[in-house]
mmCIF file of all heavy atoms, coordinates in Angstrom:
data_MODEL
# 
_entry.id   MODEL 
# 
loop_
_atom_site.group_PDB 
_atom_site.id 
_atom_site.type_symbol 
_atom_site.label_atom_id 
_atom_site.label_alt_id 
_atom_site.label_comp_id 
_atom_site.label_asym_id 
_atom_site.label_entity_id 
_atom_site.label_seq_id 
_atom_site.pdbx_PDB_ins_code 
_atom_site.Cartn_x 
_atom_site.Cartn_y 
_atom_site.Cartn_z 
_atom_site.occupancy 
_atom_site.B_iso_or_equiv 
_atom_site.pdbx_formal_charge 
_atom_site.auth_seq_id 
_atom_site.auth_comp_id 
_atom_site.auth_asym_id 
_atom_site.auth_atom_id 
_atom_site.pdbx_PDB_model_num 
ATOM 1   N N   . PHE A 1 1  ? 238.528 139.137 225.314 1.00 0.00 ? 1  PHE A N   1 
ATOM 2   C CA  . PHE A 1 1  ? 237.975 137.986 224.606 1.00 0.00 ? 1  PHE A CA  1 
ATOM 3   C C   . PHE A 1 1  ? 237.765 138.321 223.135 1.00 0.00 ? 1  PHE A C   1 
ATOM 4   O O   . PHE A 1 1  ? 238.048 137.506 222.250 1.00 0.00 ? 1  PHE A O   1 
ATOM 5   C CB  . PHE A 1 1  ? 236.660 137.558 225.266 1.00 0.00 ? 1  PHE A CB  1 
ATOM 6   C CG  . PHE A 1 1  ? 236.038 136.334 224.646 1.00 0.00 ? 1  PHE A CG  1 
ATOM 7   C CD1 . PHE A 1 1  ? 236.665 135.101 224.732 1.00 0.00 ? 1  PHE A CD1 1 
ATOM 8   C CD2 . PHE A 1 1  ? 234.839 136.422 223.961 1.00 0.00 ? 1  PHE A CD2 1 
ATOM 9   C CE1 . PHE A 1 1  ? 236.098 133.974 224.157 1.00 0.00 ? 1  PHE A CE1 1 
ATOM 10  C CE2 . PHE A 1 1  ? 234.269 135.294 223.387 1.00 0.00 ? 1  PHE A CE2 1 
ATOM 11  C CZ  . PHE A 1 1  ? 234.906 134.070 223.478 1.00 0.00 ? 1  PHE A CZ  1 
ATOM 12  N N   . THR A 1 2  ? 237.294 139.533 222.859 1.00 0.00 ? 2  THR A N   1 
ATOM 13  C CA  . THR A 1 2  ? 237.103 139.972 221.473 1.00 0.00 ? 2  THR A CA  1 
ATOM 14  C C   . THR A 1 2  ? 238.428 139.982 220.722 1.00 0.00 ? 2  THR A C   1 
ATOM 15  O O   . THR A 1 2  ? 238.509 139.536 219.574 1.00 0.00 ? 2  THR A O   1 
ATOM 16  C CB  . THR A 1 2  ? 236.459 141.373 221.432 1.00 0.00 ? 2  THR A CB  1 
ATOM 17  O OG1 . THR A 1 2  ? 235.210 141.319 222.125 1.00 0.00 ? 2  THR A OG1 1 
ATOM 18  C CG2 . THR A 1 2  ? 236.234 141.845 220.020 1.00 0.00 ? 2  THR A CG2 1 
ATOM 19  N N   . VAL A 1 3  ? 239.483 140.465 221.373 1.00 0.00 ? 3  VAL A N   1 
ATOM 20  C CA  . VAL A 1 3  ? 240.810 140.476 220.752 1.00 0.00 ? 3  VAL A CA  1 
ATOM 21  C C   . VAL A 1 3  ? 241.257 139.052 220.438 1.00 0.00 ? 3  VAL A C   1 
ATOM 22  O O   . VAL A 1 3  ? 241.755 138.769 219.344 1.00 0.00 ? 3  VAL A O   1 
ATOM 23  C CB  . VAL A 1 3  ? 241.838 141.190 221.660 1.00 0.00 ? 3  VAL A CB  1 
ATOM 24  C CG1 . VAL A 1 3  ? 243.259 140.944 221.194 1.00 0.00 ? 3  VAL A CG1 1 
ATOM 25  C CG2 . VAL A 1 3  ? 241.544 142.677 221.730 1.00 0.00 ? 3  VAL A CG2 1 
ATOM 26  N N   . VAL A 1 4  ? 241.056 138.142 221.382 1.00 0.00 ? 4  VAL A N   1 
ATOM 27  C CA  . VAL A 1 4  ? 241.442 136.745 221.161 1.00 0.00 ? 4  VAL A CA  1 
ATOM 28  C C   . VAL A 1 4  ? 240.684 136.167 219.969 1.00 0.00 ? 4  VAL A C   1 
ATOM 29  O O   . VAL A 1 4  ? 241.273 135.487 219.119 1.00 0.00 ? 4  VAL A O   1 
ATOM 30  C CB  . VAL A 1 4  ? 241.195 135.900 222.436 1.00 0.00 ? 4  VAL A CB  1 
ATOM 31  C CG1 . VAL A 1 4  ? 241.354 134.417 222.159 1.00 0.00 ? 4  VAL A CG1 1 
ATOM 32  C CG2 . VAL A 1 4  ? 242.150 136.326 223.543 1.00 0.00 ? 4  VAL A CG2 1 
ATOM 33  N N   . LEU A 1 5  ? 239.392 136.448 219.883 1.00 0.00 ? 5  LEU A N   1 
ATOM 34  C CA  . LEU A 1 5  ? 238.597 135.953 218.749 1.00 0.00 ? 5  LEU A CA  1 
ATOM 35  C C   . LEU A 1 5  ? 239.070 136.549 217.426 1.00 0.00 ? 5  LEU A C   1 
ATOM 36  O O   . LEU A 1 5  ? 239.186 135.833 216.428 1.00 0.00 ? 5  LEU A O   1 
ATOM 37  C CB  . LEU A 1 5  ? 237.115 136.273 218.956 1.00 0.00 ? 5  LEU A CB  1 
ATOM 38  C CG  . LEU A 1 5  ? 236.380 135.460 220.005 1.00 0.00 ? 5  LEU A CG  1 
ATOM 39  C CD1 . LEU A 1 5  ? 234.940 135.943 220.132 1.00 0.00 ? 5  LEU A CD1 1 
ATOM 40  C CD2 . LEU A 1 5  ? 236.416 133.985 219.683 1.00 0.00 ? 5  LEU A CD2 1 
ATOM 41  N N   . GLU A 1 6  ? 239.334 137.848 217.429 1.00 0.00 ? 6  GLU A N   1 
ATOM 42  C CA  . GLU A 1 6  ? 239.772 138.502 216.200 1.00 0.00 ? 6  GLU A CA  1 
ATOM 43  C C   . GLU A 1 6  ? 241.134 137.989 215.745 1.00 0.00 ? 6  GLU A C   1 
ATOM 44  O O   . GLU A 1 6  ? 241.422 137.943 214.553 1.00 0.00 ? 6  GLU A O   1 
ATOM 45  C CB  . GLU A 1 6  ? 239.829 140.020 216.400 1.00 0.00 ? 6  GLU A CB  1 
ATOM 46  C CG  . GLU A 1 6  ? 238.468 140.667 216.519 1.00 0.00 ? 6  GLU A CG  1 
ATOM 47  C CD  . GLU A 1 6  ? 238.523 142.149 216.869 1.00 0.00 ? 6  GLU A CD  1 
ATOM 48  O OE1 . GLU A 1 6  ? 239.621 142.660 217.186 1.00 0.00 ? 6  GLU A OE1 1 
ATOM 49  O OE2 . GLU A 1 6  ? 237.463 142.794 216.832 1.00 0.00 ? 6  GLU A OE2 1 
ATOM 50  N N   . CYS A 1 7  ? 241.978 137.603 216.689 1.00 0.00 ? 7  CYS A N   1 
ATOM 51  C CA  . CYS A 1 7  ? 243.340 137.161 216.361 1.00 0.00 ? 7  CYS A CA  1 
ATOM 52  C C   . CYS A 1 7  ? 243.431 135.666 216.066 1.00 0.00 ? 7  CYS A C   1 
ATOM 53  O O   . CYS A 1 7  ? 244.481 135.185 215.630 1.00 0.00 ? 7  CYS A O   1 
ATOM 54  C CB  . CYS A 1 7  ? 244.283 137.499 217.514 1.00 0.00 ? 7  CYS A CB  1 
ATOM 55  S SG  . CYS A 1 7  ? 244.481 139.259 217.767 1.00 0.00 ? 7  CYS A SG  1 
ATOM 56  N N   . ALA A 1 8  ? 242.371 134.939 216.286 1.00 0.00 ? 8  ALA A N   1 
ATOM 57  C CA  . ALA A 1 8  ? 242.420 133.478 216.165 1.00 0.00 ? 8  ALA A CA  1 
ATOM 58  C C   . ALA A 1 8  ? 242.846 133.006 214.780 1.00 0.00 ? 8  ALA A C   1 
ATOM 59  O O   . ALA A 1 8  ? 243.568 132.022 214.653 1.00 0.00 ? 8  ALA A O   1 
ATOM 60  C CB  . ALA A 1 8  ? 241.071 132.877 216.541 1.00 0.00 ? 8  ALA A CB  1 
ATOM 61  N N   . THR A 1 9  ? 242.432 133.693 213.752 1.00 0.00 ? 9  THR A N   1 
ATOM 62  C CA  . THR A 1 9  ? 242.719 133.239 212.389 1.00 0.00 ? 9  THR A CA  1 
ATOM 63  C C   . THR A 1 9  ? 243.829 134.021 211.701 1.00 0.00 ? 9  THR A C   1 
ATOM 64  O O   . THR A 1 9  ? 244.105 133.784 210.536 1.00 0.00 ? 9  THR A O   1 
ATOM 65  C CB  . THR A 1 9  ? 241.442 133.344 211.529 1.00 0.00 ? 9  THR A CB  1 
ATOM 66  O OG1 . THR A 1 9  ? 241.019 134.708 211.517 1.00 0.00 ? 9  THR A OG1 1 
ATOM 67  C CG2 . THR A 1 9  ? 240.338 132.450 212.069 1.00 0.00 ? 9  THR A CG2 1 
ATOM 68  N N   . LEU A 1 10 ? 244.463 134.937 212.417 1.00 0.00 ? 10 LEU A N   1 
ATOM 69  C CA  . LEU A 1 10 ? 245.486 135.785 211.806 1.00 0.00 ? 10 LEU A CA  1 
ATOM 70  C C   . LEU A 1 10 ? 246.835 135.066 211.735 1.00 0.00 ? 10 LEU A C   1 
ATOM 71  O O   . LEU A 1 10 ? 247.185 134.296 212.628 1.00 0.00 ? 10 LEU A O   1 
ATOM 72  C CB  . LEU A 1 10 ? 245.654 137.079 212.601 1.00 0.00 ? 10 LEU A CB  1 
ATOM 73  C CG  . LEU A 1 10 ? 244.435 137.990 212.710 1.00 0.00 ? 10 LEU A CG  1 
ATOM 74  C CD1 . LEU A 1 10 ? 244.766 139.216 213.543 1.00 0.00 ? 10 LEU A CD1 1 
ATOM 75  C CD2 . LEU A 1 10 ? 243.939 138.401 211.340 1.00 0.00 ? 10 LEU A CD2 1 
ATOM 76  N N   . SER A 1 11 ? 247.585 135.362 210.680 1.00 0.00 ? 11 SER A N   1 
ATOM 77  C CA  . SER A 1 11 ? 248.956 134.853 210.577 1.00 0.00 ? 11 SER A CA  1 
ATOM 78  C C   . SER A 1 11 ? 249.830 135.679 211.515 1.00 0.00 ? 11 SER A C   1 
ATOM 79  O O   . SER A 1 11 ? 249.383 136.683 212.078 1.00 0.00 ? 11 SER A O   1 
ATOM 80  C CB  . SER A 1 11 ? 249.463 134.979 209.140 1.00 0.00 ? 11 SER A CB  1 
ATOM 81  O OG  . SER A 1 11 ? 249.621 136.353 208.811 1.00 0.00 ? 11 SER A OG  1 
ATOM 82  N N   . GLU A 1 12 ? 251.095 135.293 211.669 1.00 0.00 ? 12 GLU A N   1 
ATOM 83  C CA  . GLU A 1 12 ? 251.985 136.029 212.566 1.00 0.00 ? 12 GLU A CA  1 
ATOM 84  C C   . GLU A 1 12 ? 252.167 137.465 212.118 1.00 0.00 ? 12 GLU A C   1 
ATOM 85  O O   . GLU A 1 12 ? 252.183 138.382 212.936 1.00 0.00 ? 12 GLU A O   1 
ATOM 86  C CB  . GLU A 1 12 ? 253.344 135.331 212.658 1.00 0.00 ? 12 GLU A CB  1 
ATOM 87  C CG  . GLU A 1 12 ? 253.359 134.177 213.626 1.00 0.00 ? 12 GLU A CG  1 
ATOM 88  C CD  . GLU A 1 12 ? 254.769 133.698 213.903 1.00 0.00 ? 12 GLU A CD  1 
ATOM 89  O OE1 . GLU A 1 12 ? 255.636 134.533 214.228 1.00 0.00 ? 12 GLU A OE1 1 
ATOM 90  O OE2 . GLU A 1 12 ? 254.984 132.487 213.797 1.00 0.00 ? 12 GLU A OE2 1 
ATOM 91  N N   . VAL A 1 13 ? 252.296 137.676 210.825 1.00 0.00 ? 13 VAL A N   1 
ATOM 92  C CA  . VAL A 1 13 ? 252.482 139.025 210.290 1.00 0.00 ? 13 VAL A CA  1 
ATOM 93  C C   . VAL A 1 13 ? 251.229 139.854 210.538 1.00 0.00 ? 13 VAL A C   1 
ATOM 94  O O   . VAL A 1 13 ? 251.299 140.998 211.004 1.00 0.00 ? 13 VAL A O   1 
ATOM 95  C CB  . VAL A 1 13 ? 252.823 138.975 208.779 1.00 0.00 ? 13 VAL A CB  1 
ATOM 96  C CG1 . VAL A 1 13 ? 252.864 140.362 208.179 1.00 0.00 ? 13 VAL A CG1 1 
ATOM 97  C CG2 . VAL A 1 13 ? 254.130 138.236 208.554 1.00 0.00 ? 13 VAL A CG2 1 
ATOM 98  N N   . GLU A 1 14 ? 250.073 139.275 210.246 1.00 0.00 ? 14 GLU A N   1 
ATOM 99  C CA  . GLU A 1 14 ? 248.812 139.986 210.459 1.00 0.00 ? 14 GLU A CA  1 
ATOM 100 C C   . GLU A 1 14 ? 248.593 140.264 211.946 1.00 0.00 ? 14 GLU A C   1 
ATOM 101 O O   . GLU A 1 14 ? 248.115 141.336 212.322 1.00 0.00 ? 14 GLU A O   1 
ATOM 102 C CB  . GLU A 1 14 ? 247.646 139.172 209.904 1.00 0.00 ? 14 GLU A CB  1 
ATOM 103 C CG  . GLU A 1 14 ? 247.657 139.041 208.391 1.00 0.00 ? 14 GLU A CG  1 
ATOM 104 C CD  . GLU A 1 14 ? 246.643 138.012 207.891 1.00 0.00 ? 14 GLU A CD  1 
ATOM 105 O OE1 . GLU A 1 14 ? 246.367 137.024 208.612 1.00 0.00 ? 14 GLU A OE1 1 
ATOM 106 O OE2 . GLU A 1 14 ? 246.140 138.208 206.770 1.00 0.00 ? 14 GLU A OE2 1 
ATOM 107 N N   . LEU A 1 15 ? 248.960 139.300 212.784 1.00 0.00 ? 15 LEU A N   1 
ATOM 108 C CA  . LEU A 1 15 ? 248.821 139.473 214.231 1.00 0.00 ? 15 LEU A CA  1 
ATOM 109 C C   . LEU A 1 15 ? 249.717 140.606 214.722 1.00 0.00 ? 15 LEU A C   1 
ATOM 110 O O   . LEU A 1 15 ? 249.298 141.427 215.543 1.00 0.00 ? 15 LEU A O   1 
ATOM 111 C CB  . LEU A 1 15 ? 249.151 138.169 214.964 1.00 0.00 ? 15 LEU A CB  1 
ATOM 112 C CG  . LEU A 1 15 ? 249.071 138.200 216.484 1.00 0.00 ? 15 LEU A CG  1 
ATOM 113 C CD1 . LEU A 1 15 ? 247.671 138.586 216.943 1.00 0.00 ? 15 LEU A CD1 1 
ATOM 114 C CD2 . LEU A 1 15 ? 249.459 136.850 217.060 1.00 0.00 ? 15 LEU A CD2 1 
ATOM 115 N N   . SER A 1 16 ? 250.939 140.668 214.209 1.00 0.00 ? 16 SER A N   1 
ATOM 116 C CA  . SER A 1 16 ? 251.855 141.752 214.596 1.00 0.00 ? 16 SER A CA  1 
ATOM 117 C C   . SER A 1 16 ? 251.286 143.109 214.207 1.00 0.00 ? 16 SER A C   1 
ATOM 118 O O   . SER A 1 16 ? 251.320 144.060 215.000 1.00 0.00 ? 16 SER A O   1 
ATOM 119 C CB  . SER A 1 16 ? 253.222 141.555 213.941 1.00 0.00 ? 16 SER A CB  1 
ATOM 120 O OG  . SER A 1 16 ? 253.819 140.375 214.398 1.00 0.00 ? 16 SER A OG  1 
ATOM 121 N N   . GLU A 1 17 ? 250.758 143.199 213.000 1.00 0.00 ? 17 GLU A N   1 
ATOM 122 C CA  . GLU A 1 17 ? 250.156 144.454 212.540 1.00 0.00 ? 17 GLU A CA  1 
ATOM 123 C C   . GLU A 1 17 ? 248.943 144.829 213.393 1.00 0.00 ? 17 GLU A C   1 
ATOM 124 O O   . GLU A 1 17 ? 248.768 145.984 213.781 1.00 0.00 ? 17 GLU A O   1 
ATOM 125 C CB  . GLU A 1 17 ? 249.753 144.333 211.069 1.00 0.00 ? 17 GLU A CB  1 
ATOM 126 C CG  . GLU A 1 17 ? 249.039 145.536 210.506 1.00 0.00 ? 17 GLU A CG  1 
ATOM 127 C CD  . GLU A 1 17 ? 249.867 146.810 210.563 1.00 0.00 ? 17 GLU A CD  1 
ATOM 128 O OE1 . GLU A 1 17 ? 251.111 146.732 210.473 1.00 0.00 ? 17 GLU A OE1 1 
ATOM 129 O OE2 . GLU A 1 17 ? 249.260 147.894 210.720 1.00 0.00 ? 17 GLU A OE2 1 
ATOM 130 N N   . TYR A 1 18 ? 248.112 143.849 213.694 1.00 0.00 ? 18 TYR A N   1 
ATOM 131 C CA  . TYR A 1 18 ? 246.928 144.067 214.530 1.00 0.00 ? 18 TYR A CA  1 
ATOM 132 C C   . TYR A 1 18 ? 247.348 144.601 215.902 1.00 0.00 ? 18 TYR A C   1 
ATOM 133 O O   . TYR A 1 18 ? 246.763 145.555 216.413 1.00 0.00 ? 18 TYR A O   1 
ATOM 134 C CB  . TYR A 1 18 ? 246.154 142.749 214.674 1.00 0.00 ? 18 TYR A CB  1 
ATOM 135 C CG  . TYR A 1 18 ? 244.935 142.831 215.553 1.00 0.00 ? 18 TYR A CG  1 
ATOM 136 C CD1 . TYR A 1 18 ? 243.703 143.200 215.027 1.00 0.00 ? 18 TYR A CD1 1 
ATOM 137 C CD2 . TYR A 1 18 ? 245.006 142.532 216.907 1.00 0.00 ? 18 TYR A CD2 1 
ATOM 138 C CE1 . TYR A 1 18 ? 242.576 143.275 215.820 1.00 0.00 ? 18 TYR A CE1 1 
ATOM 139 C CE2 . TYR A 1 18 ? 243.889 142.609 217.717 1.00 0.00 ? 18 TYR A CE2 1 
ATOM 140 C CZ  . TYR A 1 18 ? 242.678 142.977 217.165 1.00 0.00 ? 18 TYR A CZ  1 
ATOM 141 O OH  . TYR A 1 18 ? 241.566 143.058 217.970 1.00 0.00 ? 18 TYR A OH  1 
ATOM 142 N N   . CYS A 1 19 ? 248.363 143.976 216.489 1.00 0.00 ? 19 CYS A N   1 
ATOM 143 C CA  . CYS A 1 19 ? 248.831 144.404 217.810 1.00 0.00 ? 19 CYS A CA  1 
ATOM 144 C C   . CYS A 1 19 ? 249.378 145.827 217.762 1.00 0.00 ? 19 CYS A C   1 
ATOM 145 O O   . CYS A 1 19 ? 249.144 146.609 218.686 1.00 0.00 ? 19 CYS A O   1 
ATOM 146 C CB  . CYS A 1 19 ? 249.896 143.441 218.338 1.00 0.00 ? 19 CYS A CB  1 
ATOM 147 S SG  . CYS A 1 19 ? 249.215 141.845 218.830 1.00 0.00 ? 19 CYS A SG  1 
ATOM 148 N N   . ARG A 1 20 ? 250.105 146.168 216.708 1.00 0.00 ? 20 ARG A N   1 
ATOM 149 C CA  . ARG A 1 20 ? 250.614 147.538 216.578 1.00 0.00 ? 20 ARG A CA  1 
ATOM 150 C C   . ARG A 1 20 ? 249.468 148.540 216.514 1.00 0.00 ? 20 ARG A C   1 
ATOM 151 O O   . ARG A 1 20 ? 249.514 149.592 217.150 1.00 0.00 ? 20 ARG A O   1 
ATOM 152 C CB  . ARG A 1 20 ? 251.504 147.667 215.344 1.00 0.00 ? 20 ARG A CB  1 
ATOM 153 C CG  . ARG A 1 20 ? 252.932 147.232 215.577 1.00 0.00 ? 20 ARG A CG  1 
ATOM 154 C CD  . ARG A 1 20 ? 253.832 147.647 214.433 1.00 0.00 ? 20 ARG A CD  1 
ATOM 155 N NE  . ARG A 1 20 ? 253.500 147.031 213.157 1.00 0.00 ? 20 ARG A NE  1 
ATOM 156 C CZ  . ARG A 1 20 ? 253.873 145.809 212.795 1.00 0.00 ? 20 ARG A CZ  1 
ATOM 157 N NH1 . ARG A 1 20 ? 254.580 145.063 213.614 1.00 0.00 ? 20 ARG A NH1 1 
ATOM 158 N NH2 . ARG A 1 20 ? 253.533 145.331 211.620 1.00 0.00 ? 20 ARG A NH2 1 
ATOM 159 N N   . ARG A 1 21 ? 248.438 148.216 215.738 1.00 0.00 ? 21 ARG A N   1 
ATOM 160 C CA  . ARG A 1 21 ? 247.282 149.120 215.619 1.00 0.00 ? 21 ARG A CA  1 
ATOM 161 C C   . ARG A 1 21 ? 246.577 149.308 216.949 1.00 0.00 ? 21 ARG A C   1 
ATOM 162 O O   . ARG A 1 21 ? 246.133 150.400 217.272 1.00 0.00 ? 21 ARG A O   1 
ATOM 163 C CB  . ARG A 1 21 ? 246.279 148.570 214.601 1.00 0.00 ? 21 ARG A CB  1 
ATOM 164 C CG  . ARG A 1 21 ? 246.571 148.924 213.181 1.00 0.00 ? 21 ARG A CG  1 
ATOM 165 C CD  . ARG A 1 21 ? 245.362 148.702 212.274 1.00 0.00 ? 21 ARG A CD  1 
ATOM 166 N NE  . ARG A 1 21 ? 244.489 147.615 212.628 1.00 0.00 ? 21 ARG A NE  1 
ATOM 167 C CZ  . ARG A 1 21 ? 244.523 146.385 212.099 1.00 0.00 ? 21 ARG A CZ  1 
ATOM 168 N NH1 . ARG A 1 21 ? 245.411 146.092 211.185 1.00 0.00 ? 21 ARG A NH1 1 
ATOM 169 N NH2 . ARG A 1 21 ? 243.667 145.472 212.486 1.00 0.00 ? 21 ARG A NH2 1 
ATOM 170 N N   . LYS A 1 22 ? 246.455 148.231 217.710 1.00 0.00 ? 22 LYS A N   1 
ATOM 171 C CA  . LYS A 1 22 ? 245.721 148.272 218.979 1.00 0.00 ? 22 LYS A CA  1 
ATOM 172 C C   . LYS A 1 22 ? 246.593 148.686 220.162 1.00 0.00 ? 22 LYS A C   1 
ATOM 173 O O   . LYS A 1 22 ? 246.088 148.888 221.260 1.00 0.00 ? 22 LYS A O   1 
ATOM 174 C CB  . LYS A 1 22 ? 245.112 146.891 219.287 1.00 0.00 ? 22 LYS A CB  1 
ATOM 175 C CG  . LYS A 1 22 ? 244.060 146.448 218.310 1.00 0.00 ? 22 LYS A CG  1 
ATOM 176 C CD  . LYS A 1 22 ? 242.775 147.193 218.548 1.00 0.00 ? 22 LYS A CD  1 
ATOM 177 C CE  . LYS A 1 22 ? 241.663 146.612 217.702 1.00 0.00 ? 22 LYS A CE  1 
ATOM 178 N NZ  . LYS A 1 22 ? 240.386 147.207 217.981 1.00 0.00 ? 22 LYS A NZ  1 
ATOM 179 N N   . GLY A 1 23 ? 247.897 148.766 219.937 1.00 0.00 ? 23 GLY A N   1 
ATOM 180 C CA  . GLY A 1 23 ? 248.783 149.134 221.036 1.00 0.00 ? 23 GLY A CA  1 
ATOM 181 C C   . GLY A 1 23 ? 248.995 147.994 222.008 1.00 0.00 ? 23 GLY A C   1 
ATOM 182 O O   . GLY A 1 23 ? 249.107 148.202 223.213 1.00 0.00 ? 23 GLY A O   1 
ATOM 183 N N   . LEU A 1 24 ? 249.039 146.779 221.494 1.00 0.00 ? 24 LEU A N   1 
ATOM 184 C CA  . LEU A 1 24 ? 249.209 145.578 222.317 1.00 0.00 ? 24 LEU A CA  1 
ATOM 185 C C   . LEU A 1 24 ? 250.551 144.922 222.031 1.00 0.00 ? 24 LEU A C   1 
ATOM 186 O O   . LEU A 1 24 ? 251.202 145.220 221.039 1.00 0.00 ? 24 LEU A O   1 
ATOM 187 C CB  . LEU A 1 24 ? 248.096 144.567 222.009 1.00 0.00 ? 24 LEU A CB  1 
ATOM 188 C CG  . LEU A 1 24 ? 246.682 144.983 222.342 1.00 0.00 ? 24 LEU A CG  1 
ATOM 189 C CD1 . LEU A 1 24 ? 245.694 143.991 221.742 1.00 0.00 ? 24 LEU A CD1 1 
ATOM 190 C CD2 . LEU A 1 24 ? 246.500 145.074 223.831 1.00 0.00 ? 24 LEU A CD2 1 
# 
């Protein structure tokens, strides 16, 4: 749920970077 909240406002590029950092 925390991941979903953190990703809610991210652009596709930011979301991709976030996922790489978190291993998702």
